[in-house]
């Protein structure tokens, strides 16, 4: 990882809802800003589920983002400690020793919620991810002075 690289992680227990939404929006934002070489995205869970929640797949499909072929995965503390920012979804008990900016977004779990509730969670996550990119990489794809 070079000095110009920013590494974001999005973590929840099952890696089947909120963290998958976050990672998908981060991937889209990275592409929109032309930051493929300077932003790395990690997602995972402490106890991964077997599949991404169907209601999450459906609400992302509305935006043209396909999560149907994603599989929740486990993420290690060691991997998270290599990140600049770790966003947890409101369900984490992570204790990281490294100098990592850990943010608990305290989001409602979309599992089992109706479509409107899942859309609200999705839209909230989208705003948070865009704001995170604004804060850490700015408009021109450069680290901002506050994050250097």
N, C-alpha and C. Protein backbone atom coordinates (compact mmCIF):
# COMPACT_ATOMS: atom_id res chain seq x y z
N UNK A 1 0.84 -1.17 0.00
CA UNK A 1 0.00 0.00 0.00
C UNK A 1 0.89 1.24 0.00
N UNK A 2 0.68 2.12 -0.95
CA UNK A 2 1.50 3.32 -1.04
C UNK A 2 0.96 4.41 -0.15
N UNK A 3 1.74 5.47 0.00
CA UNK A 3 1.32 6.61 0.82
C UNK A 3 0.05 7.26 0.28
N UNK A 4 -0.16 7.16 -1.02
CA UNK A 4 -1.33 7.79 -1.63
C UNK A 4 -2.57 6.93 -1.55
N UNK A 5 -2.45 5.72 -1.06
CA UNK A 5 -3.59 4.81 -1.01
C UNK A 5 -4.37 5.01 0.28
N UNK A 6 -5.69 5.05 0.14
CA UNK A 6 -6.59 5.08 1.28
C UNK A 6 -7.32 3.75 1.30
N UNK A 7 -7.42 3.16 2.47
CA UNK A 7 -8.07 1.86 2.59
C UNK A 7 -9.26 1.97 3.53
N UNK A 8 -10.46 1.70 2.98
CA UNK A 8 -11.70 1.74 3.74
C UNK A 8 -12.19 0.32 4.00
N UNK A 9 -12.71 0.07 5.21
CA UNK A 9 -13.34 -1.22 5.50
C UNK A 9 -14.76 -0.96 6.00
N UNK A 10 -15.66 -1.85 5.60
CA UNK A 10 -17.06 -1.78 6.01
C UNK A 10 -17.40 -3.14 6.62
N UNK A 11 -17.74 -3.12 7.92
CA UNK A 11 -17.84 -4.35 8.68
C UNK A 11 -19.14 -4.42 9.47
N UNK A 12 -19.77 -5.60 9.44
CA UNK A 12 -20.87 -5.89 10.36
C UNK A 12 -20.78 -7.37 10.74
N UNK A 13 -21.70 -7.86 11.49
CA UNK A 13 -21.60 -9.23 11.97
C UNK A 13 -21.72 -10.23 10.81
N UNK A 14 -22.79 -10.14 10.03
CA UNK A 14 -23.05 -11.15 9.00
C UNK A 14 -22.48 -10.81 7.63
N UNK A 15 -22.09 -9.57 7.39
CA UNK A 15 -21.63 -9.13 6.08
C UNK A 15 -22.65 -9.49 5.00
N UNK A 16 -23.93 -9.29 5.36
CA UNK A 16 -25.00 -9.69 4.46
C UNK A 16 -25.97 -8.55 4.15
N UNK A 17 -25.75 -7.39 4.76
CA UNK A 17 -26.67 -6.28 4.56
C UNK A 17 -25.96 -4.95 4.51
N UNK A 18 -25.84 -4.31 5.65
CA UNK A 18 -25.29 -2.95 5.72
C UNK A 18 -23.87 -2.83 5.18
N UNK A 19 -23.01 -3.76 5.54
CA UNK A 19 -21.62 -3.66 5.06
C UNK A 19 -21.54 -3.95 3.56
N UNK A 20 -22.42 -4.80 3.05
CA UNK A 20 -22.45 -5.05 1.60
C UNK A 20 -22.95 -3.81 0.86
N UNK A 21 -23.97 -3.15 1.39
CA UNK A 21 -24.45 -1.89 0.80
C UNK A 21 -23.32 -0.87 0.78
N UNK A 22 -22.64 -0.73 1.90
CA UNK A 22 -21.56 0.25 2.03
C UNK A 22 -20.44 -0.03 1.03
N UNK A 23 -20.02 -1.28 0.94
CA UNK A 23 -18.94 -1.63 0.02
C UNK A 23 -19.34 -1.37 -1.43
N UNK A 24 -20.59 -1.69 -1.77
CA UNK A 24 -21.05 -1.46 -3.15
C UNK A 24 -21.06 0.03 -3.48
N UNK A 25 -21.53 0.85 -2.56
CA UNK A 25 -21.51 2.30 -2.81
C UNK A 25 -20.08 2.82 -2.86
N UNK A 26 -19.19 2.28 -2.03
CA UNK A 26 -17.79 2.70 -2.07
C UNK A 26 -17.14 2.32 -3.40
N UNK A 27 -17.45 1.14 -3.91
CA UNK A 27 -16.92 0.73 -5.21
C UNK A 27 -17.41 1.67 -6.31
N UNK A 28 -18.69 2.01 -6.25
CA UNK A 28 -19.25 2.92 -7.25
C UNK A 28 -18.61 4.31 -7.15
N UNK A 29 -18.42 4.78 -5.92
CA UNK A 29 -17.82 6.10 -5.72
C UNK A 29 -16.37 6.12 -6.18
N UNK A 30 -15.65 5.05 -5.90
CA UNK A 30 -14.25 4.92 -6.36
C UNK A 30 -14.19 5.01 -7.88
N UNK A 31 -15.10 4.32 -8.54
CA UNK A 31 -15.14 4.34 -10.00
C UNK A 31 -15.53 5.73 -10.52
N UNK A 32 -16.54 6.33 -9.94
CA UNK A 32 -17.00 7.66 -10.37
C UNK A 32 -15.89 8.70 -10.28
N UNK A 33 -15.06 8.58 -9.26
CA UNK A 33 -14.01 9.57 -9.02
C UNK A 33 -12.68 9.17 -9.68
N UNK A 34 -12.65 8.04 -10.35
CA UNK A 34 -11.42 7.61 -11.02
C UNK A 34 -10.31 7.28 -10.04
N UNK A 35 -10.65 6.60 -8.96
CA UNK A 35 -9.68 6.33 -7.89
C UNK A 35 -9.30 4.86 -7.76
N UNK A 36 -9.39 4.13 -8.85
CA UNK A 36 -9.11 2.69 -8.80
C UNK A 36 -7.72 2.37 -8.24
N UNK A 37 -6.77 3.25 -8.51
CA UNK A 37 -5.39 3.02 -8.06
C UNK A 37 -5.11 3.51 -6.65
N UNK A 38 -6.02 4.30 -6.08
CA UNK A 38 -5.69 4.92 -4.80
C UNK A 38 -6.68 4.65 -3.66
N UNK A 39 -7.74 3.90 -3.92
CA UNK A 39 -8.69 3.54 -2.86
C UNK A 39 -8.90 2.03 -2.87
N UNK A 40 -8.65 1.42 -1.72
CA UNK A 40 -8.91 0.00 -1.54
C UNK A 40 -10.12 -0.17 -0.63
N UNK A 41 -10.93 -1.18 -0.93
CA UNK A 41 -12.16 -1.39 -0.18
C UNK A 41 -12.17 -2.82 0.36
N UNK A 42 -12.40 -2.93 1.66
CA UNK A 42 -12.47 -4.21 2.34
C UNK A 42 -13.86 -4.32 2.96
N UNK A 43 -14.47 -5.48 2.87
CA UNK A 43 -15.72 -5.70 3.59
C UNK A 43 -15.73 -7.10 4.15
N UNK A 44 -16.41 -7.27 5.26
CA UNK A 44 -16.48 -8.59 5.87
C UNK A 44 -17.30 -8.54 7.13
N UNK A 45 -17.45 -9.71 7.71
CA UNK A 45 -18.20 -9.84 8.95
C UNK A 45 -17.47 -10.68 9.96
N UNK A 46 -17.88 -10.57 11.20
CA UNK A 46 -17.27 -11.37 12.25
C UNK A 46 -17.87 -12.78 12.29
N UNK A 47 -19.12 -12.92 11.85
CA UNK A 47 -19.80 -14.22 11.73
C UNK A 47 -20.63 -14.19 10.45
N UNK A 48 -19.98 -14.36 9.28
CA UNK A 48 -20.67 -14.18 8.00
C UNK A 48 -21.86 -15.11 7.79
N UNK A 49 -22.88 -14.56 7.13
CA UNK A 49 -24.07 -15.33 6.75
C UNK A 49 -23.76 -16.15 5.50
N UNK A 50 -24.73 -16.92 5.06
CA UNK A 50 -24.56 -17.74 3.86
C UNK A 50 -24.75 -16.95 2.58
N UNK A 51 -25.54 -15.87 2.64
CA UNK A 51 -25.84 -15.08 1.45
C UNK A 51 -26.22 -13.66 1.84
N UNK A 52 -26.16 -12.76 0.88
CA UNK A 52 -26.59 -11.38 1.09
C UNK A 52 -28.11 -11.40 1.22
N UNK A 53 -28.64 -10.61 2.16
CA UNK A 53 -30.09 -10.56 2.38
C UNK A 53 -30.82 -10.19 1.08
N UNK A 54 -31.86 -10.92 0.78
CA UNK A 54 -32.60 -10.72 -0.47
C UNK A 54 -33.16 -9.30 -0.59
N UNK A 55 -33.64 -8.73 0.51
CA UNK A 55 -34.18 -7.37 0.44
C UNK A 55 -33.09 -6.34 0.09
N UNK A 56 -31.87 -6.62 0.47
CA UNK A 56 -30.74 -5.75 0.12
C UNK A 56 -30.43 -5.89 -1.37
N UNK A 57 -30.41 -7.11 -1.86
CA UNK A 57 -30.17 -7.35 -3.29
C UNK A 57 -31.23 -6.61 -4.12
N UNK A 58 -32.49 -6.71 -3.71
CA UNK A 58 -33.59 -6.10 -4.46
C UNK A 58 -33.50 -4.58 -4.47
N UNK A 59 -33.22 -3.96 -3.33
CA UNK A 59 -33.18 -2.49 -3.30
C UNK A 59 -31.97 -1.93 -4.04
N UNK A 60 -30.89 -2.68 -4.08
CA UNK A 60 -29.73 -2.22 -4.86
C UNK A 60 -29.98 -2.41 -6.36
N UNK A 61 -30.73 -3.44 -6.70
CA UNK A 61 -31.09 -3.66 -8.11
C UNK A 61 -31.85 -2.45 -8.65
N UNK A 62 -32.65 -1.80 -7.80
CA UNK A 62 -33.39 -0.60 -8.21
C UNK A 62 -32.45 0.51 -8.69
N UNK A 63 -31.22 0.50 -8.20
CA UNK A 63 -30.22 1.51 -8.58
C UNK A 63 -29.27 0.99 -9.65
N UNK A 64 -29.54 -0.20 -10.16
CA UNK A 64 -28.68 -0.77 -11.18
C UNK A 64 -27.40 -1.40 -10.65
N UNK A 65 -27.39 -1.73 -9.36
CA UNK A 65 -26.22 -2.36 -8.73
C UNK A 65 -26.60 -3.79 -8.38
N UNK A 66 -25.84 -4.75 -8.90
CA UNK A 66 -26.15 -6.16 -8.71
C UNK A 66 -25.30 -6.76 -7.60
N UNK A 67 -25.95 -7.17 -6.52
CA UNK A 67 -25.25 -7.82 -5.41
C UNK A 67 -25.58 -9.31 -5.34
N UNK A 68 -26.31 -9.82 -6.33
CA UNK A 68 -26.81 -11.19 -6.26
C UNK A 68 -25.71 -12.25 -6.25
N UNK A 69 -24.55 -11.92 -6.78
CA UNK A 69 -23.48 -12.92 -6.83
C UNK A 69 -22.43 -12.72 -5.73
N UNK A 70 -22.71 -11.87 -4.79
CA UNK A 70 -21.75 -11.65 -3.69
C UNK A 70 -21.98 -12.65 -2.57
N UNK A 71 -20.91 -13.00 -1.91
CA UNK A 71 -20.97 -13.93 -0.80
C UNK A 71 -20.37 -13.27 0.44
N UNK A 72 -21.10 -13.25 1.55
CA UNK A 72 -20.52 -12.71 2.78
C UNK A 72 -19.23 -13.44 3.13
N UNK A 73 -18.29 -12.68 3.67
CA UNK A 73 -16.99 -13.26 4.01
C UNK A 73 -16.54 -12.78 5.38
N UNK A 74 -15.63 -13.53 5.95
CA UNK A 74 -15.08 -13.17 7.25
C UNK A 74 -13.94 -12.19 7.04
N UNK A 75 -13.77 -11.30 7.99
CA UNK A 75 -12.67 -10.35 7.93
C UNK A 75 -11.90 -10.45 9.25
N UNK A 76 -10.58 -10.38 9.15
CA UNK A 76 -9.75 -10.54 10.34
C UNK A 76 -9.40 -9.19 10.95
N UNK A 77 -9.12 -9.21 12.23
CA UNK A 77 -8.66 -8.01 12.93
C UNK A 77 -7.37 -7.51 12.29
N UNK A 78 -6.48 -8.41 11.93
CA UNK A 78 -5.21 -8.02 11.31
C UNK A 78 -5.46 -7.25 10.01
N UNK A 79 -6.41 -7.73 9.21
CA UNK A 79 -6.72 -7.04 7.96
C UNK A 79 -7.30 -5.65 8.23
N UNK A 80 -8.19 -5.57 9.20
CA UNK A 80 -8.81 -4.28 9.52
C UNK A 80 -7.78 -3.28 10.05
N UNK A 81 -6.78 -3.77 10.75
CA UNK A 81 -5.77 -2.88 11.30
C UNK A 81 -4.87 -2.28 10.23
N UNK A 82 -4.97 -2.74 8.98
CA UNK A 82 -4.22 -2.14 7.88
C UNK A 82 -5.01 -1.03 7.18
N UNK A 83 -6.21 -0.79 7.65
CA UNK A 83 -7.10 0.19 7.01
C UNK A 83 -6.93 1.58 7.62
N UNK A 84 -7.29 2.59 6.83
CA UNK A 84 -7.32 3.96 7.34
C UNK A 84 -8.60 4.21 8.13
N UNK A 85 -9.72 3.71 7.60
CA UNK A 85 -11.02 3.89 8.24
C UNK A 85 -11.73 2.55 8.26
N UNK A 86 -12.30 2.20 9.41
CA UNK A 86 -13.16 1.04 9.53
C UNK A 86 -14.53 1.55 9.97
N UNK A 87 -15.50 1.40 9.08
CA UNK A 87 -16.87 1.78 9.41
C UNK A 87 -17.63 0.54 9.86
N UNK A 88 -18.09 0.57 11.10
CA UNK A 88 -18.92 -0.52 11.60
C UNK A 88 -20.38 -0.07 11.51
N UNK A 89 -21.28 -1.01 11.52
CA UNK A 89 -22.66 -0.72 11.19
C UNK A 89 -23.59 -0.61 12.40
N UNK A 90 -23.01 -0.63 13.58
CA UNK A 90 -23.83 -0.51 14.78
C UNK A 90 -23.93 -1.80 15.56
N UNK A 91 -23.15 -2.78 15.14
CA UNK A 91 -23.27 -4.10 15.76
C UNK A 91 -21.90 -4.68 16.10
N UNK A 92 -20.89 -3.85 16.09
CA UNK A 92 -19.54 -4.38 16.22
C UNK A 92 -19.03 -4.34 17.65
N UNK A 93 -18.20 -5.31 17.95
CA UNK A 93 -17.49 -5.33 19.22
C UNK A 93 -15.99 -5.32 18.94
N UNK A 94 -15.60 -4.76 17.80
CA UNK A 94 -14.20 -4.74 17.40
C UNK A 94 -13.36 -3.92 18.37
N UNK A 95 -12.17 -4.42 18.63
CA UNK A 95 -11.17 -3.68 19.39
C UNK A 95 -9.89 -3.74 18.59
N UNK A 96 -9.58 -2.65 17.91
CA UNK A 96 -8.40 -2.60 17.05
C UNK A 96 -7.28 -1.88 17.78
N UNK A 97 -6.08 -2.45 17.70
CA UNK A 97 -4.92 -1.86 18.36
C UNK A 97 -4.20 -0.83 17.51
N UNK A 98 -4.35 -0.93 16.21
CA UNK A 98 -3.63 -0.04 15.30
C UNK A 98 -4.27 1.36 15.29
N UNK A 99 -3.57 2.28 14.65
CA UNK A 99 -4.05 3.65 14.52
C UNK A 99 -5.06 3.69 13.36
N UNK A 100 -6.27 3.27 13.65
CA UNK A 100 -7.34 3.19 12.65
C UNK A 100 -8.49 4.07 13.11
N UNK A 101 -9.05 4.82 12.17
CA UNK A 101 -10.21 5.65 12.44
C UNK A 101 -11.44 4.74 12.39
N UNK A 102 -11.95 4.36 13.56
CA UNK A 102 -13.12 3.48 13.62
C UNK A 102 -14.36 4.34 13.83
N UNK A 103 -15.33 4.13 12.95
CA UNK A 103 -16.58 4.89 13.02
C UNK A 103 -17.75 3.92 13.10
N UNK A 104 -18.56 4.09 14.12
CA UNK A 104 -19.75 3.27 14.24
C UNK A 104 -20.92 4.05 13.67
N UNK A 105 -21.46 3.57 12.55
CA UNK A 105 -22.54 4.27 11.87
C UNK A 105 -23.91 3.99 12.49
N UNK A 106 -24.00 3.05 13.42
CA UNK A 106 -25.24 2.78 14.17
C UNK A 106 -26.47 2.71 13.26
N UNK A 107 -26.40 1.83 12.27
CA UNK A 107 -27.48 1.67 11.30
C UNK A 107 -28.41 0.52 11.68
N UNK A 108 -29.67 0.67 11.33
CA UNK A 108 -30.64 -0.40 11.53
C UNK A 108 -30.34 -1.55 10.58
N UNK A 109 -30.49 -2.76 11.06
CA UNK A 109 -30.28 -3.95 10.23
C UNK A 109 -31.44 -4.08 9.24
N UNK A 110 -31.16 -4.17 7.93
CA UNK A 110 -32.24 -4.28 6.94
C UNK A 110 -32.88 -5.66 6.86
N UNK A 111 -32.29 -6.66 7.49
CA UNK A 111 -32.78 -8.03 7.40
C UNK A 111 -34.23 -8.11 7.87
N UNK A 112 -35.11 -8.59 6.98
CA UNK A 112 -36.52 -8.77 7.33
C UNK A 112 -37.37 -7.52 7.28
N UNK A 113 -36.77 -6.38 6.92
CA UNK A 113 -37.52 -5.12 6.85
C UNK A 113 -38.25 -5.02 5.52
N UNK A 114 -39.29 -4.19 5.48
CA UNK A 114 -40.01 -3.98 4.22
C UNK A 114 -39.17 -3.11 3.29
N UNK A 115 -39.58 -3.07 2.02
CA UNK A 115 -38.79 -2.39 0.99
C UNK A 115 -38.53 -0.93 1.32
N UNK A 116 -39.53 -0.22 1.84
CA UNK A 116 -39.36 1.20 2.14
C UNK A 116 -38.30 1.40 3.23
N UNK A 117 -38.33 0.58 4.26
CA UNK A 117 -37.34 0.68 5.34
C UNK A 117 -35.94 0.39 4.81
N UNK A 118 -35.82 -0.61 3.94
CA UNK A 118 -34.51 -0.95 3.38
C UNK A 118 -34.01 0.19 2.49
N UNK A 119 -34.90 0.82 1.74
CA UNK A 119 -34.50 1.97 0.91
C UNK A 119 -33.96 3.11 1.78
N UNK A 120 -34.60 3.36 2.91
CA UNK A 120 -34.13 4.43 3.82
C UNK A 120 -32.73 4.12 4.33
N UNK A 121 -32.49 2.87 4.73
CA UNK A 121 -31.17 2.45 5.20
C UNK A 121 -30.16 2.59 4.06
N UNK A 122 -30.53 2.11 2.87
CA UNK A 122 -29.66 2.18 1.69
C UNK A 122 -29.27 3.62 1.39
N UNK A 123 -30.25 4.52 1.38
CA UNK A 123 -29.98 5.91 1.05
C UNK A 123 -29.10 6.59 2.11
N UNK A 124 -29.31 6.25 3.37
CA UNK A 124 -28.48 6.77 4.45
C UNK A 124 -27.03 6.31 4.25
N UNK A 125 -26.85 5.04 3.93
CA UNK A 125 -25.51 4.50 3.71
C UNK A 125 -24.84 5.19 2.53
N UNK A 126 -25.59 5.39 1.45
CA UNK A 126 -25.03 6.06 0.28
C UNK A 126 -24.48 7.44 0.65
N UNK A 127 -25.25 8.22 1.41
CA UNK A 127 -24.81 9.55 1.84
C UNK A 127 -23.55 9.47 2.69
N UNK A 128 -23.50 8.50 3.61
CA UNK A 128 -22.33 8.36 4.48
C UNK A 128 -21.07 7.99 3.69
N UNK A 129 -21.23 7.12 2.70
CA UNK A 129 -20.08 6.71 1.90
C UNK A 129 -19.55 7.88 1.08
N UNK A 130 -20.45 8.63 0.45
CA UNK A 130 -20.03 9.80 -0.33
C UNK A 130 -19.31 10.80 0.59
N UNK A 131 -19.83 11.03 1.77
CA UNK A 131 -19.20 11.96 2.72
C UNK A 131 -17.82 11.46 3.15
N UNK A 132 -17.68 10.14 3.32
CA UNK A 132 -16.39 9.57 3.69
C UNK A 132 -15.37 9.81 2.59
N UNK A 133 -15.77 9.61 1.34
CA UNK A 133 -14.87 9.87 0.21
C UNK A 133 -14.52 11.36 0.16
N UNK A 134 -15.51 12.23 0.35
CA UNK A 134 -15.24 13.67 0.35
C UNK A 134 -14.20 14.02 1.41
N UNK A 135 -14.34 13.44 2.57
CA UNK A 135 -13.43 13.73 3.68
C UNK A 135 -12.02 13.21 3.43
N UNK A 136 -11.91 12.00 2.93
CA UNK A 136 -10.60 11.37 2.82
C UNK A 136 -9.88 11.57 1.50
N UNK A 137 -10.61 11.71 0.42
CA UNK A 137 -9.93 11.84 -0.87
C UNK A 137 -10.31 13.08 -1.63
N UNK A 138 -11.31 13.82 -1.17
CA UNK A 138 -11.67 15.08 -1.82
C UNK A 138 -12.18 14.89 -3.23
N UNK A 139 -12.43 15.98 -3.87
CA UNK A 139 -13.01 15.96 -5.21
C UNK A 139 -12.01 15.54 -6.29
N UNK A 140 -10.75 15.84 -6.12
CA UNK A 140 -9.77 15.59 -7.17
C UNK A 140 -9.02 14.27 -6.99
N UNK A 141 -9.45 13.46 -6.04
CA UNK A 141 -8.78 12.19 -5.85
C UNK A 141 -7.50 12.30 -5.05
N UNK A 142 -7.28 13.42 -4.39
CA UNK A 142 -6.11 13.60 -3.56
C UNK A 142 -6.52 13.57 -2.09
N UNK A 143 -5.64 13.09 -1.26
CA UNK A 143 -5.93 13.12 0.17
C UNK A 143 -6.09 14.59 0.59
N UNK A 144 -7.06 14.81 1.44
CA UNK A 144 -7.27 16.16 1.94
C UNK A 144 -6.25 16.43 3.05
N UNK A 145 -5.96 17.71 3.32
CA UNK A 145 -4.96 18.03 4.36
C UNK A 145 -5.31 17.42 5.70
N UNK A 146 -6.61 17.33 6.03
CA UNK A 146 -7.00 16.80 7.32
C UNK A 146 -6.69 15.31 7.45
N UNK A 147 -6.62 14.61 6.30
CA UNK A 147 -6.39 13.16 6.37
C UNK A 147 -4.95 12.77 6.11
N UNK A 148 -4.13 13.70 5.74
CA UNK A 148 -2.73 13.38 5.42
C UNK A 148 -1.93 13.07 6.67
